[in-house]
N, C-alpha and C. Protein backbone atom coordinates (compact mmCIF):
# COMPACT_ATOMS: atom_id res chain seq x y z
N MET A 1 21.41 -6.87 25.18
CA MET A 1 20.84 -7.91 25.27
C MET A 1 20.57 -8.37 23.64
N ASN A 2 20.13 -9.47 23.48
CA ASN A 2 20.29 -10.59 22.53
C ASN A 2 18.66 -10.51 22.11
N PHE A 3 17.85 -9.65 21.43
CA PHE A 3 16.31 -9.77 20.75
C PHE A 3 16.32 -9.94 19.49
N GLU A 4 15.37 -10.07 19.22
CA GLU A 4 15.15 -10.10 17.47
C GLU A 4 13.86 -9.64 17.55
N LYS A 5 13.49 -8.39 15.96
CA LYS A 5 12.22 -7.77 16.26
C LYS A 5 11.12 -8.78 15.61
N ARG A 6 10.24 -8.97 15.17
CA ARG A 6 9.11 -9.41 14.57
C ARG A 6 8.10 -8.43 13.92
N ARG A 7 7.23 -8.56 13.32
CA ARG A 7 6.52 -7.59 12.79
C ARG A 7 5.41 -8.39 12.38
N ILE A 8 4.62 -8.29 12.37
CA ILE A 8 3.29 -8.92 12.02
C ILE A 8 2.52 -7.92 12.14
N GLY A 9 1.64 -7.39 10.37
CA GLY A 9 0.84 -6.50 10.07
C GLY A 9 1.20 -5.26 10.95
N LEU A 10 0.29 -4.25 11.17
CA LEU A 10 0.62 -3.13 12.05
C LEU A 10 1.49 -3.35 13.16
N VAL A 11 1.73 -4.76 13.69
CA VAL A 11 2.20 -4.54 14.91
C VAL A 11 3.48 -5.09 15.56
N SER A 12 4.53 -4.67 15.88
CA SER A 12 5.96 -4.87 16.09
C SER A 12 5.75 -5.63 17.97
N SER A 13 6.99 -7.05 17.67
CA SER A 13 6.76 -7.68 19.21
C SER A 13 8.47 -7.86 19.13
N PHE A 14 8.75 -8.08 19.94
CA PHE A 14 10.40 -7.55 20.44
C PHE A 14 10.69 -8.92 21.33
N TYR A 15 11.49 -9.91 20.71
CA TYR A 15 11.55 -10.73 21.87
C TYR A 15 13.12 -11.47 22.39
N LEU A 16 13.69 -12.43 22.92
CA LEU A 16 14.95 -12.53 23.26
C LEU A 16 14.81 -13.90 22.26
N LYS A 17 16.34 -14.44 22.21
CA LYS A 17 16.29 -15.67 21.07
C LYS A 17 15.92 -17.05 21.61
N ASN A 18 15.33 -16.76 22.78
CA ASN A 18 14.71 -18.23 23.15
C ASN A 18 13.03 -18.00 23.32
N GLY A 19 12.84 -17.00 22.38
CA GLY A 19 10.93 -16.93 22.37
C GLY A 19 10.70 -16.25 23.33
N GLU A 20 11.02 -15.98 24.49
CA GLU A 20 10.90 -15.21 25.16
C GLU A 20 10.21 -13.39 24.91
N SER A 21 9.04 -13.27 25.20
CA SER A 21 8.67 -11.47 24.78
C SER A 21 9.26 -10.40 26.26
N VAL A 22 10.12 -9.35 24.90
CA VAL A 22 10.75 -8.55 26.13
C VAL A 22 10.05 -7.30 26.02
N TYR A 23 9.50 -6.40 25.28
CA TYR A 23 8.32 -5.63 25.16
C TYR A 23 7.22 -5.94 25.19
N GLY A 24 6.86 -7.06 24.55
CA GLY A 24 5.18 -7.31 24.63
C GLY A 24 5.13 -6.82 23.17
N GLU A 25 3.55 -6.42 22.74
CA GLU A 25 3.48 -5.73 21.62
C GLU A 25 3.09 -4.64 21.59
N LEU A 26 3.51 -4.15 20.78
CA LEU A 26 3.68 -2.88 20.55
C LEU A 26 2.96 -2.13 19.27
N LYS A 27 1.97 -1.31 19.18
CA LYS A 27 1.18 -0.36 17.63
C LYS A 27 2.76 0.28 17.07
N MET A 28 2.69 0.36 15.75
CA MET A 28 3.25 0.44 14.89
C MET A 28 3.37 1.96 15.12
N ASN A 29 4.24 2.89 15.35
CA ASN A 29 4.28 4.58 15.34
C ASN A 29 4.43 4.82 13.58
N LYS A 30 4.10 6.07 13.50
CA LYS A 30 3.82 7.12 12.42
C LYS A 30 4.96 6.36 11.59
N ASP A 31 6.47 6.81 11.85
CA ASP A 31 8.05 6.53 11.27
C ASP A 31 7.68 5.30 10.78
N GLN A 32 7.50 4.08 11.78
CA GLN A 32 7.25 2.74 10.79
C GLN A 32 6.52 2.68 10.20
N PHE A 33 4.92 2.89 9.86
CA PHE A 33 3.86 2.88 8.88
C PHE A 33 4.74 3.63 7.51
N ASN A 34 5.01 4.89 7.74
CA ASN A 34 5.21 5.63 7.01
C ASN A 34 6.70 4.95 5.96
N GLY A 35 7.78 4.51 6.55
CA GLY A 35 8.43 3.56 6.35
C GLY A 35 8.02 2.52 5.61
N THR A 36 7.32 1.63 6.27
CA THR A 36 6.96 -0.04 5.82
C THR A 36 6.56 0.48 4.47
N ALA A 37 5.68 1.89 4.34
CA ALA A 37 4.66 2.41 3.27
C ALA A 37 5.53 2.49 1.81
N LYS A 38 6.43 3.94 2.18
CA LYS A 38 7.86 3.68 1.18
C LYS A 38 8.65 2.29 0.85
N ASP A 39 8.75 1.24 1.59
CA ASP A 39 9.28 0.32 1.23
C ASP A 39 8.46 -0.58 -0.57
N ILE A 40 7.69 -0.28 0.31
CA ILE A 40 6.34 -1.14 -0.09
C ILE A 40 6.62 -0.62 -2.01
N ALA A 41 6.05 0.48 -1.57
CA ALA A 41 6.13 1.82 -3.07
C ALA A 41 8.13 1.16 -3.45
N GLY A 42 8.63 1.44 -3.31
CA GLY A 42 9.80 1.13 -3.44
C GLY A 42 9.66 -0.22 -4.44
N LYS A 43 9.48 -1.35 -3.84
CA LYS A 43 9.34 -2.13 -4.12
C LYS A 43 8.70 -2.54 -5.93
N VAL A 44 7.73 -2.13 -5.72
CA VAL A 44 6.89 -1.59 -6.51
C VAL A 44 7.51 -1.21 -7.78
N GLN A 45 8.08 0.19 -7.75
CA GLN A 45 8.57 0.99 -8.67
C GLN A 45 9.84 0.34 -9.44
N GLN A 46 10.85 -0.56 -8.29
CA GLN A 46 11.81 -1.48 -9.06
C GLN A 46 11.09 -2.15 -9.85
N ALA A 47 10.59 -2.78 -9.15
CA ALA A 47 9.19 -4.12 -10.38
C ALA A 47 9.14 -3.66 -11.47
N ALA A 48 8.47 -2.58 -11.59
CA ALA A 48 8.24 -1.60 -12.95
C ALA A 48 8.81 -1.53 -13.62
N GLY A 49 10.02 -0.99 -12.83
CA GLY A 49 11.14 -0.29 -13.91
C GLY A 49 11.92 -1.60 -14.39
N LYS A 50 12.06 -2.78 -14.08
CA LYS A 50 12.46 -3.90 -14.38
C LYS A 50 12.14 -4.60 -15.65
N MET A 51 10.39 -4.57 -15.20
CA MET A 51 9.49 -5.16 -16.38
C MET A 51 9.50 -4.40 -17.76
N THR A 52 9.43 -3.07 -17.15
CA THR A 52 9.90 -1.92 -18.70
C THR A 52 11.45 -2.05 -19.05
N GLY A 53 12.16 -2.53 -18.30
CA GLY A 53 13.53 -1.97 -18.85
C GLY A 53 14.02 -0.54 -18.47
N ASN A 54 13.61 0.40 -17.89
CA ASN A 54 13.70 1.00 -17.09
C ASN A 54 14.55 1.22 -16.18
N LYS A 55 15.57 1.74 -16.32
CA LYS A 55 16.36 1.69 -15.30
C LYS A 55 16.88 2.75 -14.21
N GLU A 56 16.08 3.77 -15.06
CA GLU A 56 15.64 5.03 -13.97
C GLU A 56 15.14 4.85 -12.47
N GLN A 57 14.00 4.45 -13.06
CA GLN A 57 12.87 3.92 -12.43
C GLN A 57 13.14 2.63 -11.39
N GLN A 58 13.70 1.51 -11.97
CA GLN A 58 14.59 0.77 -11.04
C GLN A 58 15.57 1.22 -9.82
N ILE A 59 16.69 2.21 -10.20
CA ILE A 59 17.52 2.70 -9.54
C ILE A 59 16.59 3.70 -8.54
N LYS A 60 15.68 4.25 -8.40
CA LYS A 60 14.63 5.36 -8.27
C LYS A 60 13.61 4.37 -7.26
N GLY A 61 13.43 3.29 -7.30
CA GLY A 61 12.15 2.18 -6.15
C GLY A 61 13.22 2.04 -5.12
N ALA A 62 14.71 1.26 -5.84
CA ALA A 62 15.86 1.20 -4.68
C ALA A 62 15.89 2.28 -3.78
N GLY A 63 16.26 3.34 -4.58
CA GLY A 63 16.36 4.44 -3.09
C GLY A 63 15.44 4.63 -2.46
N LYS A 64 14.16 4.54 -2.77
CA LYS A 64 13.04 4.55 -2.02
C LYS A 64 12.67 3.75 -1.23
N GLN A 65 13.05 2.25 -1.07
CA GLN A 65 13.39 1.17 -0.49
C GLN A 65 14.44 1.82 0.74
N ILE A 66 15.35 2.04 0.24
CA ILE A 66 16.35 2.39 0.82
C ILE A 66 16.25 3.42 2.70
N GLU A 67 15.41 5.12 1.89
CA GLU A 67 14.92 5.70 2.18
C GLU A 67 13.48 5.28 3.50
N GLY A 68 12.87 4.19 2.53
CA GLY A 68 11.70 3.80 3.61
C GLY A 68 12.57 2.34 5.00
N LYS A 69 13.68 2.29 5.02
CA LYS A 69 13.81 1.47 5.95
C LYS A 69 14.71 2.14 7.02
N MET A 70 15.44 3.79 6.39
CA MET A 70 16.04 4.08 7.51
C MET A 70 14.74 5.00 8.26
N GLN A 71 13.48 5.37 7.54
CA GLN A 71 12.51 5.98 8.27
C GLN A 71 11.70 4.99 9.11
N GLU A 72 12.07 3.36 9.21
CA GLU A 72 11.25 2.47 9.81
C GLU A 72 12.39 2.51 10.65
N THR A 73 13.61 2.16 10.49
CA THR A 73 14.46 1.93 11.66
C THR A 73 14.21 3.35 12.71
N ARG A 74 14.03 4.59 12.02
CA ARG A 74 14.34 5.34 12.79
C ARG A 74 12.91 5.52 13.94
N GLY A 75 11.52 4.82 13.44
CA GLY A 75 10.57 4.60 14.39
C GLY A 75 10.50 3.29 15.24
N ASP A 76 11.78 1.99 15.00
CA ASP A 76 11.76 1.62 15.71
C ASP A 76 12.63 2.00 17.05
N LEU A 77 13.92 2.90 17.08
CA LEU A 77 14.31 3.69 17.92
C LEU A 77 13.74 3.94 18.54
N LYS A 78 12.60 4.99 17.73
CA LYS A 78 11.40 5.59 18.61
C LYS A 78 10.76 4.81 19.55
N GLN A 79 10.53 3.74 19.24
CA GLN A 79 9.38 3.30 19.84
C GLN A 79 10.43 2.29 20.79
N ALA A 80 11.62 1.82 20.61
CA ALA A 80 12.13 0.75 21.57
C ALA A 80 12.51 2.31 23.16
N VAL A 81 12.86 3.29 22.87
CA VAL A 81 13.31 4.04 23.57
C VAL A 81 11.67 4.71 24.49
N ASN A 82 10.80 5.04 23.90
CA ASN A 82 9.97 5.23 24.80
C ASN A 82 9.26 4.42 25.15
N SER A 83 9.06 2.56 24.93
CA SER A 83 9.07 1.44 25.80
C SER A 83 9.80 1.80 26.85
N VAL A 84 11.26 2.38 27.05
CA VAL A 84 12.02 1.70 27.98
C VAL A 84 11.76 2.95 29.17
N THR A 85 11.23 4.00 28.49
CA THR A 85 11.37 5.06 29.82
C THR A 85 9.99 4.94 29.88
N ALA A 86 8.89 4.80 29.72
CA ALA A 86 7.61 4.17 30.08
C ALA A 86 7.51 3.14 31.07
N LYS A 87 8.54 1.67 31.19
CA LYS A 87 8.65 1.01 32.17
C LYS A 87 9.25 1.77 33.66
N LYS A 88 9.78 2.52 33.20
CA LYS A 88 10.73 3.14 34.75
C LYS A 88 9.95 4.02 35.36
């Protein structure tokens, strides 16, 4: 299936490439929320490291962003599985 995910605030929606909704709007689960929070914290940490010239903080911030994106993806997968199994 060819679809894309759009997130606005705490709500995710899945759409076909032509714009038609696939699953409708779904609330953000715990992994998605925590992953997004880690990603944002990592961006702030990386930016602070750049401003101060601290390479260690830049690297830690980048690592936190990766960790956050991985957790968010895990939440996306959980949500997709739950929405598919709920429709059966």
